[in-house]
Each structure stands twice: as structure tokens, then as C-alpha cells.
Protein backbone atom coordinates (compact mmCIF):
# COMPACT_ATOMS: atom_id res chain seq x y z
CA MET A 1 -0.07 -0.01 -0.01
CA PHE A 2 1.35 3.31 -1.15
CA ARG A 3 0.71 5.94 1.70
CA ILE A 4 0.77 9.65 0.63
CA ASP A 5 0.26 12.86 2.55
CA ALA A 6 -1.16 15.00 -0.20
CA HIS A 7 -0.99 18.19 1.35
CA GLN A 8 1.62 19.96 3.22
CA HIS A 9 3.81 23.05 3.04
CA PHE A 10 7.48 24.16 3.36
CA TRP A 11 8.95 27.51 4.04
CA GLN A 12 11.73 29.47 5.46
CA PHE A 13 10.01 31.99 7.71
CA ASP A 14 9.65 35.48 6.42
CA ALA A 15 7.78 37.88 8.47
CA VAL A 16 6.89 40.32 5.65
CA ARG A 17 6.20 37.63 2.90
CA ASP A 18 4.32 35.35 5.44
CA ALA A 19 2.16 38.12 6.85
CA TRP A 20 -0.84 35.75 6.90
CA ILE A 21 1.06 34.14 9.83
CA THR A 22 -0.24 36.40 12.55
CA GLU A 23 0.81 36.66 16.36
CA ASP A 24 -1.60 34.06 17.61
CA MET A 25 0.18 31.69 15.14
CA GLN A 26 3.36 31.85 17.02
CA VAL A 27 4.06 28.18 16.36
CA LEU A 28 4.37 28.74 12.65
CA ARG A 29 6.88 31.67 12.81
CA GLN A 30 9.81 29.43 12.05
CA ASP A 31 11.37 27.33 9.22
CA PHE A 32 9.48 24.22 8.09
CA LEU A 33 11.74 22.09 5.79
CA PRO A 34 12.03 18.60 4.54
CA GLN A 35 14.24 17.42 7.45
CA HIS A 36 11.53 18.52 9.82
CA LEU A 37 8.94 16.54 7.97
CA GLN A 38 10.46 13.32 7.00
CA PRO A 39 10.63 11.80 10.58
CA LEU A 40 6.90 12.47 10.99
CA LEU A 41 6.02 10.84 7.62
CA ALA A 42 8.19 7.93 8.60
CA GLN A 43 6.81 7.47 11.89
CA ALA A 44 3.13 7.61 10.30
CA GLY A 45 4.13 4.98 7.63
CA MET A 46 3.84 7.51 4.78
CA ASP A 47 5.93 6.76 1.67
CA GLY A 48 5.86 10.37 0.53
CA CYS A 49 4.10 13.63 0.23
CA VAL A 50 2.78 16.40 -2.14
CA ALA A 51 4.35 19.90 -1.33
CA VAL A 52 1.76 22.82 -1.90
CA GLN A 53 2.42 26.49 -2.35
CA ALA A 54 1.78 28.83 0.61
CA ASP A 55 3.12 31.99 -1.16
CA GLN A 56 1.84 33.41 -4.58
CA SER A 57 5.11 33.66 -6.53
CA GLU A 58 7.05 31.74 -9.15
CA THR A 59 10.02 31.97 -6.51
CA GLU A 60 7.77 29.85 -4.54
CA THR A 61 7.45 27.28 -7.06
CA SER A 62 11.10 27.08 -7.80
CA PHE A 63 11.82 26.68 -4.08
CA LEU A 64 9.44 23.64 -3.91
CA LEU A 65 10.89 22.16 -7.10
CA GLN A 66 14.38 22.50 -5.66
CA LEU A 67 13.29 20.74 -2.42
CA ALA A 68 11.57 17.90 -4.38
CA ALA A 69 14.71 17.41 -6.49
CA GLU A 70 16.77 17.14 -3.52
CA ASN A 71 14.34 14.82 -1.55
CA ASP A 72 12.92 11.65 -3.09
CA PHE A 73 9.92 11.53 -0.60
CA ILE A 74 8.52 14.58 -2.00
CA LYS A 75 6.65 12.93 -4.77
CA GLY A 76 4.74 15.84 -6.23
CA VAL A 77 4.70 19.70 -6.18
CA VAL A 78 1.56 22.00 -6.53
CA GLY A 79 3.10 25.33 -7.39
CA TRP A 80 1.79 28.91 -8.21
CA VAL A 81 1.72 30.60 -11.58
CA ASP A 82 -0.21 33.74 -12.39
CA LEU A 83 -3.00 32.25 -14.30
CA GLN A 84 -4.13 35.62 -15.43
CA ALA A 85 -0.84 36.63 -17.03
CA GLU A 86 -0.72 37.14 -20.88
CA ASN A 87 2.35 34.95 -20.99
CA VAL A 88 0.77 32.17 -18.83
CA GLU A 89 0.99 29.74 -21.75
CA GLU A 90 4.63 30.26 -22.20
CA ARG A 91 5.06 29.94 -18.34
CA LEU A 92 3.10 26.58 -18.38
CA GLU A 93 5.22 25.32 -21.39
CA TYR A 94 8.38 26.14 -19.22
CA TYR A 95 6.87 24.35 -16.22
CA SER A 96 5.95 21.28 -18.22
CA GLN A 97 9.69 20.14 -18.23
CA PHE A 98 9.60 19.36 -14.34
CA PRO A 99 8.01 15.93 -13.87
CA LYS A 100 7.33 16.45 -10.22
CA LEU A 101 5.27 19.50 -10.92
CA LYS A 102 1.81 18.18 -10.84
CA GLY A 103 -0.47 21.31 -10.72
CA PHE A 104 -1.12 24.79 -9.54
CA ARG A 105 -3.13 26.50 -6.79
CA HIS A 106 -4.24 30.04 -6.32
CA ILE A 107 -5.34 31.41 -2.82
CA VAL A 108 -8.75 32.41 -3.89
CA GLN A 109 -9.85 32.50 -0.39
CA GLY A 110 -7.81 35.68 0.21
CA GLU A 111 -9.20 37.41 -2.99
CA GLN A 112 -11.61 40.49 -2.30
CA ASP A 113 -13.84 39.30 -5.18
CA ASP A 114 -15.88 36.25 -4.21
CA ALA A 115 -16.30 35.48 -7.91
CA PHE A 116 -12.67 35.66 -8.77
CA MET A 117 -12.68 32.26 -10.19
CA LEU A 118 -14.95 33.28 -12.82
CA ARG A 119 -13.03 36.11 -14.14
CA PRO A 120 -12.31 35.60 -18.00
CA SER A 121 -8.57 36.14 -17.53
CA PHE A 122 -8.48 33.38 -14.73
CA GLN A 123 -10.59 30.90 -16.65
CA GLN A 124 -8.32 31.40 -19.71
CA GLY A 125 -5.50 30.10 -17.29
CA ILE A 126 -7.45 27.30 -16.17
CA ARG A 127 -8.32 26.39 -19.88
CA LEU A 128 -4.52 26.01 -20.54
CA LEU A 129 -3.87 23.84 -17.50
CA GLN A 130 -5.84 21.01 -19.18
CA GLN A 131 -3.65 21.39 -22.32
CA PHE A 132 -0.38 20.74 -20.35
CA GLY A 133 -2.08 18.14 -18.09
CA PHE A 134 -1.87 20.02 -14.80
CA THR A 135 -4.21 19.72 -12.03
CA TYR A 136 -5.88 22.62 -10.08
CA ASP A 137 -6.35 22.94 -6.40
CA ILE A 138 -9.32 24.91 -5.20
CA LEU A 139 -8.67 26.73 -2.09
CA ILE A 140 -11.93 28.53 -0.81
CA TYR A 141 -14.36 29.06 1.87
CA PRO A 142 -17.98 27.82 1.82
CA LYS A 143 -19.18 31.13 0.53
CA HIS A 144 -17.13 30.62 -2.64
CA LEU A 145 -18.71 27.24 -3.43
CA PRO A 146 -21.34 28.27 -5.89
CA TYR A 147 -18.54 29.91 -7.93
CA ALA A 148 -16.62 26.91 -7.71
CA ILE A 149 -19.48 24.78 -8.88
CA GLU A 150 -19.80 26.96 -12.01
CA LEU A 151 -16.04 26.80 -12.60
CA VAL A 152 -15.77 23.01 -12.64
CA ALA A 153 -18.88 22.74 -14.67
CA ARG A 154 -17.22 24.96 -17.46
CA PHE A 155 -14.08 22.69 -17.63
CA PRO A 156 -15.41 19.15 -17.40
CA GLN A 157 -12.10 17.65 -18.65
CA GLN A 158 -10.01 19.51 -16.07
CA LYS A 159 -8.89 17.71 -12.97
CA PHE A 160 -9.86 19.89 -9.81
CA ILE A 161 -9.30 19.02 -6.01
CA VAL A 162 -10.84 21.01 -3.28
CA ASP A 163 -8.41 21.70 -0.35
CA HIS A 164 -9.62 21.29 3.22
CA LEU A 165 -13.23 20.11 2.48
CA ALA A 166 -13.71 23.99 1.31
CA LYS A 167 -13.07 24.99 5.03
CA PRO A 168 -16.58 24.30 6.63
CA HIS A 169 -17.09 26.35 9.84
CA ILE A 170 -16.54 23.38 12.16
CA LYS A 171 -15.74 25.68 15.37
CA ARG A 172 -19.28 27.16 14.84
CA GLY A 173 -20.94 23.92 14.13
CA GLU A 174 -22.44 25.30 10.82
CA ILE A 175 -23.07 22.64 8.21
CA SER A 176 -26.21 23.05 6.16
CA PHE A 177 -25.24 25.61 3.44
CA TRP A 178 -21.83 24.12 3.12
CA LYS A 179 -23.32 20.43 2.93
CA GLN A 180 -25.89 21.59 0.23
CA GLU A 181 -23.17 23.29 -1.90
CA ILE A 182 -20.36 20.46 -1.28
CA GLU A 183 -22.92 17.88 -2.56
CA HIS A 184 -23.52 20.02 -5.64
CA LEU A 185 -20.04 20.23 -6.36
CA ALA A 186 -19.48 16.53 -5.79
CA GLN A 187 -21.88 15.86 -8.82
CA HIS A 188 -19.08 16.84 -11.09
CA PRO A 189 -16.88 13.72 -11.61
CA ASN A 190 -13.79 15.71 -12.45
CA VAL A 191 -13.60 17.02 -8.89
CA CYS A 192 -11.89 15.33 -5.68
CA CYS A 193 -11.76 16.48 -2.21
CA LYS A 194 -8.92 16.55 0.16
CA VAL A 195 -9.63 15.38 3.70
CA SER A 196 -7.11 17.87 5.21
CA GLY A 197 -7.22 21.08 7.31
CA LEU A 198 -9.87 19.85 9.69
CA VAL A 199 -8.32 20.78 12.98
CA THR A 200 -7.57 24.27 11.77
CA GLU A 201 -11.32 25.06 11.19
CA ALA A 202 -12.26 23.76 14.44
CA ASP A 203 -11.61 25.23 18.03
CA TRP A 204 -7.85 25.29 18.13
CA LYS A 205 -7.70 24.58 21.80
CA GLY A 206 -10.89 22.78 22.53
CA TRP A 207 -11.64 20.43 19.70
CA LYS A 208 -12.88 16.95 20.38
CA GLY A 209 -12.57 13.86 17.91
CA ASN A 210 -16.28 13.78 17.36
CA ASP A 211 -16.50 17.33 16.13
CA PHE A 212 -15.38 16.25 12.59
CA ALA A 213 -17.61 13.07 12.03
CA PRO A 214 -20.55 15.02 10.57
CA TYR A 215 -18.36 16.80 8.04
CA LEU A 216 -16.42 13.78 7.11
CA ASP A 217 -19.65 11.85 6.63
CA VAL A 218 -21.03 14.41 4.29
CA VAL A 219 -18.02 14.41 1.91
CA THR A 220 -17.71 10.58 2.00
CA ALA A 221 -21.41 10.26 0.96
CA ALA A 222 -20.91 13.00 -1.69
CA PHE A 223 -17.60 12.08 -3.26
CA GLY A 224 -17.24 8.37 -2.46
CA THR A 225 -14.16 6.68 -1.19
CA HIS A 226 -12.62 6.96 -4.76
CA ARG A 227 -12.39 10.69 -4.77
CA LEU A 228 -11.21 11.43 -1.11
CA VAL A 229 -7.65 12.22 -0.65
CA TYR A 230 -5.88 12.48 2.82
CA GLY A 231 -3.54 15.38 3.51
CA SER A 232 -2.19 16.60 6.87
CA ASP A 233 -1.82 20.47 6.04
CA TRP A 234 1.38 20.21 8.20
CA PRO A 235 2.70 22.62 9.54
CA VAL A 236 -0.43 24.57 9.68
CA CYS A 237 -2.21 21.91 11.54
CA LEU A 238 0.24 22.47 14.23
CA LEU A 239 -2.02 25.39 15.34
CA ALA A 240 -4.43 23.00 16.60
CA ALA A 241 -2.85 19.42 16.75
CA ARG A 242 0.33 17.46 16.48
CA TYR A 243 0.91 15.46 13.10
CA GLU A 244 -0.04 12.04 14.47
CA GLU A 245 -3.23 13.72 16.29
CA GLN A 246 -4.64 15.17 13.02
CA LEU A 247 -3.79 11.76 11.20
CA ASN A 248 -5.49 9.93 14.06
CA ILE A 249 -8.81 11.76 13.51
CA VAL A 250 -9.01 10.79 9.78
CA GLN A 251 -7.66 7.15 10.34
CA LYS A 252 -10.13 6.58 13.15
CA HIS A 253 -12.92 7.82 11.13
CA PHE A 254 -12.41 5.36 8.27
CA GLU A 255 -11.12 2.58 10.52
CA THR A 256 -14.35 0.48 9.72
CA PHE A 257 -13.93 0.90 5.95
CA SER A 258 -12.55 -1.91 3.86
CA GLU A 259 -8.76 -2.09 3.36
CA ALA A 260 -9.08 -1.25 -0.23
CA GLU A 261 -11.11 1.95 0.57
CA GLN A 262 -8.62 2.99 3.21
CA ALA A 263 -5.75 2.32 0.78
CA ARG A 264 -7.49 4.70 -1.91
CA ILE A 265 -8.04 7.52 0.71
CA PHE A 266 -4.56 7.29 2.22
CA GLY A 267 -2.63 7.10 -1.06
CA GLY A 268 -4.08 5.43 -4.01
CA ASN A 269 -6.50 8.30 -4.94
CA ALA A 270 -3.52 10.96 -4.54
CA GLN A 271 -1.25 8.74 -6.70
CA GLN A 272 -4.00 8.72 -9.36
CA PHE A 273 -5.01 12.35 -9.24
CA TYR A 274 -1.65 13.71 -9.16
CA ALA A 275 0.02 11.02 -11.44
CA LEU A 276 2.60 10.29 -8.76
């Protein structure tokens, strides 16, 4: 069984660039590099990981590709490129020479415009991803789901994956709007869903294991075990849980599922989606 952590980040902390890491996130204000993650993966029985961009720059993409070239356990990279740039096709052509670069992500949750994904310039970038065989990670809040549904419907051949279950408001116990929209999104067979980032949407200090079950039940029913992909969201998960704690939440939830289903969620689906 090939076990993969399909969502984690690396950085050399920079207070200006990483301004999203606020004072109350003190634990994240340091470097997180492959040598810090590798022992955690080994301990968890993981064969590798997918490194995902945290900064919106091509410098970030190069940094992750360099780490992936130096560390065999980094099986894939989800980078950043300006999908709205006039020369985006040229940039994608350039990136297609790196076998470990699997796809791209934009921090849509940070955009002022809720309908950002539907901008013609952005969609032109998405249209080109398909041409080069790149995936796209959708990073959004529940309020963005209606726009995501429209986006994936327009590009039925493009491979999309929703990060962190689209960040449901677990801490507030809100579920109905998110549930309705995530079910609509899941009707599109070109979309997978990352079972990641759960603890950071819960009460960082007071979460309990059973806080997550209702949300995990929804995505499992909606996407089925063949379109769910496990990711730790390390080191961001450290705001609320140690690596093994966040993994345990997901493993415990799926422990009654068949071995084949668990194998898909914890590696097989990631391998297929990202062509690892």
C-alpha cells in the first residue's frame, strides 16, 4: 500500500512575505523544511508527500521544485503561476519540463472578489492547464462554493481537487449551506476532495474527535471513497494538533471501511489524481 500525505507546506519563515502568519500563530513563525517533516512521515508510515504552495510567486514554485529534486520523498509539487498573465501559456510550457510539478493553486480565499474564479482572465489560465495536463487545487471558503461549482462545470475535462473540504465552519458547528453546496460540487466527476485542514477549522484549543464526523460523513457520501484524498496540512495543523493527532482523527473515522477503501483515501487516490 502506497501511503501519501497529499497536502503539506515548506517555508523559510519571512515575516513580511508570510504576513498571513499572525501573532496568534506563533508556532508557525519558524522554518519548516524537509528534514523536519521526513521523520513525521516515517513515523506515520507514509511513503511520501505532495508539497503545496503557500506563497503566490514563481519563486515559491522554484523553491518547492528544488526541495523535491533534493528529497525523493517529495513525490509531487503544487505550485503557483499567474493564471491571469498574458504569457501564462509560455510559463506553463516552461513548467512542463519538471516531472514532479503536478499542478497549480491560487489562494482564492484571500481575494476580495468572491467571484474571482469566474474572471475571464483566470478562466483562460484554467483552460490552458488542461492542455499541459496540470491539476488545479481549489482553496476556498464555503461562501465561494457556488462559484466553484460554476467553474468546474465549465471545464469538465480539467482535474480539480478541493482543499480542506472547502473549510466548513467546524468551530461554529455550521453545516447546512456548506453541505448543500459541497454535494452539488461533488456531482461533477472531475472533482476530488482533500480530507485535510480539519483541525484548523475547529476550536484550536478545545476540539474533540467527534467534532469532525458530521463533515467527514458528508464528503464521504458526496464524493465516495474513490475521490477522497488524505492530507495533513502540516505545519499549519500544528496550530491545533500534532501531526499524529490530525492523522488519527481521519484514520479513526475510516477504520471500519474496507482495506481497499482506506488504501485509496490514504494514497491510491492521490497517486492517481496527481499521477505520482
